[in-house]
Amino acid sequence: MTYPDTSYLGQTLLRKCPDWAAAQRTMRPICESAFSAGVREMVLQGIGIAWLPMSMVWQDREAGRIIDLSNILGNCELTICLYTKTDHLLTAHIHHLAEKNSTR
């Protein structure tokens, strides 16, 4: 399964994960989707292989529902950040959560 080249994960894999990008060119994709949760479900059903964020599948891996192929096809680090508009109504709540978490 692949991510569209125009999607965030598609661009990231092409740029940061050359082993996966090279392997992907030799495979016949059965599905292309920018929706990681849907791709995860297809992997869990045994439909194919896909690159998925570890934060999304670590429990599946630990439970033995999936196997990690990164030792063969590589892996890549991602930095994911949370953004909102500065005038968004949740901004005050988000600042409150950040303060609460920084005291832990």
Protein backbone atom coordinates (compact mmCIF):
# COMPACT_ATOMS: atom_id res chain seq x y z
CA MET A 1 0.00 0.00 0.00
CA THR A 2 1.27 3.44 -0.81
CA TYR A 3 0.63 7.02 0.09
CA PRO A 4 -0.02 9.52 -2.72
CA ASP A 5 3.13 11.45 -3.66
CA THR A 6 1.20 14.65 -2.93
CA SER A 7 0.38 13.61 0.66
CA TYR A 8 2.52 14.48 3.67
CA LEU A 9 3.53 10.87 4.31
CA GLY A 10 4.09 10.22 0.61
CA GLN A 11 6.48 13.16 0.33
CA THR A 12 8.20 12.32 3.61
CA LEU A 13 8.81 8.71 2.61
CA LEU A 14 10.23 9.71 -0.75
CA ARG A 15 12.52 12.31 0.83
CA LYS A 16 13.58 10.69 4.12
CA CYS A 17 13.25 6.94 3.59
CA PRO A 18 15.19 6.00 0.45
CA ASP A 19 15.07 2.26 1.24
CA TRP A 20 11.27 2.31 1.39
CA ALA A 21 10.97 4.53 -1.68
CA ALA A 22 13.20 2.15 -3.67
CA ALA A 23 11.31 -0.94 -2.48
CA GLN A 24 7.98 0.71 -3.23
CA ARG A 25 9.00 1.22 -6.87
CA THR A 26 9.53 -2.54 -7.27
CA MET A 27 6.16 -3.49 -5.75
CA ARG A 28 2.70 -3.46 -7.27
CA PRO A 29 0.54 -1.28 -5.01
CA ILE A 30 -2.91 -2.64 -4.30
CA CYS A 31 -4.12 0.57 -2.67
CA GLU A 32 -3.13 4.22 -2.46
CA SER A 33 -4.43 6.28 0.44
CA ALA A 34 -3.40 9.30 2.48
CA PHE A 35 -5.57 8.00 5.36
CA SER A 36 -3.12 6.23 7.72
CA ALA A 37 -5.83 4.76 9.95
CA GLY A 38 -7.43 3.08 6.95
CA VAL A 39 -4.06 1.78 5.75
CA ARG A 40 -3.45 0.35 9.24
CA GLU A 41 -6.77 -1.51 9.11
CA MET A 42 -5.86 -3.02 5.74
CA VAL A 43 -2.50 -4.19 7.11
CA LEU A 44 -4.28 -5.75 10.11
CA GLN A 45 -6.57 -7.61 7.68
CA GLY A 46 -3.51 -9.00 5.85
CA ILE A 47 -4.19 -7.09 2.64
CA GLY A 48 -0.62 -5.85 2.21
CA ILE A 49 2.34 -4.07 3.74
CA ALA A 50 2.64 -0.36 4.48
CA TRP A 51 4.76 2.19 6.25
CA LEU A 52 2.85 3.34 9.34
CA PRO A 53 3.77 5.64 12.22
CA MET A 54 5.01 3.63 15.21
CA SER A 55 2.81 5.74 17.49
CA MET A 56 -0.19 4.33 15.62
CA VAL A 57 0.80 0.65 15.60
CA TRP A 58 3.03 -0.02 18.60
CA GLN A 59 0.26 -1.88 20.44
CA ASP A 60 -0.46 -4.02 17.37
CA ARG A 61 3.26 -4.81 17.14
CA GLU A 62 3.57 -5.72 20.82
CA ALA A 63 0.46 -7.92 20.59
CA GLY A 64 1.89 -9.76 17.58
CA ARG A 65 -0.88 -8.64 15.20
CA ILE A 66 1.72 -7.15 12.84
CA ILE A 67 5.45 -7.58 12.33
CA ASP A 68 8.01 -4.81 11.92
CA LEU A 69 9.78 -4.79 8.54
CA SER A 70 11.97 -1.76 9.28
CA ASN A 71 15.05 -3.96 9.60
CA ILE A 72 14.55 -4.81 5.90
CA LEU A 73 12.99 -1.64 4.47
CA GLY A 74 14.32 0.97 6.89
CA ASN A 75 12.57 3.58 8.98
CA CYS A 76 12.62 7.35 9.30
CA GLU A 77 12.20 9.91 12.04
CA LEU A 78 9.27 12.32 11.84
CA THR A 79 8.59 15.49 13.74
CA ILE A 80 4.88 16.07 14.19
CA CYS A 81 3.71 19.38 15.64
CA LEU A 82 0.28 20.60 16.69
CA TYR A 83 -0.91 23.95 15.32
CA THR A 84 -3.97 26.17 15.64
CA LYS A 85 -4.94 29.67 14.63
CA THR A 86 -3.81 32.26 17.15
CA ASP A 87 -7.36 33.54 17.57
CA HIS A 88 -8.87 30.08 17.91
CA LEU A 89 -11.21 29.55 20.87
CA LEU A 90 -9.22 26.55 22.08
CA THR A 91 -5.95 28.48 22.36
CA ALA A 92 -6.47 29.31 26.06
CA HIS A 93 -7.39 25.69 26.80
CA ILE A 94 -4.32 24.43 24.93
CA HIS A 95 -2.07 26.79 26.92
CA HIS A 96 -3.67 25.50 30.12
CA LEU A 97 -2.95 21.90 29.08
CA ALA A 98 0.65 22.77 28.22
CA GLU A 99 1.18 24.38 31.61
CA LYS A 100 -0.42 21.42 33.35
CA ASN A 101 1.80 18.94 31.45
CA SER A 102 4.99 20.94 32.06
CA THR A 103 4.55 20.52 35.83
CA ARG A 104 4.58 16.73 35.60
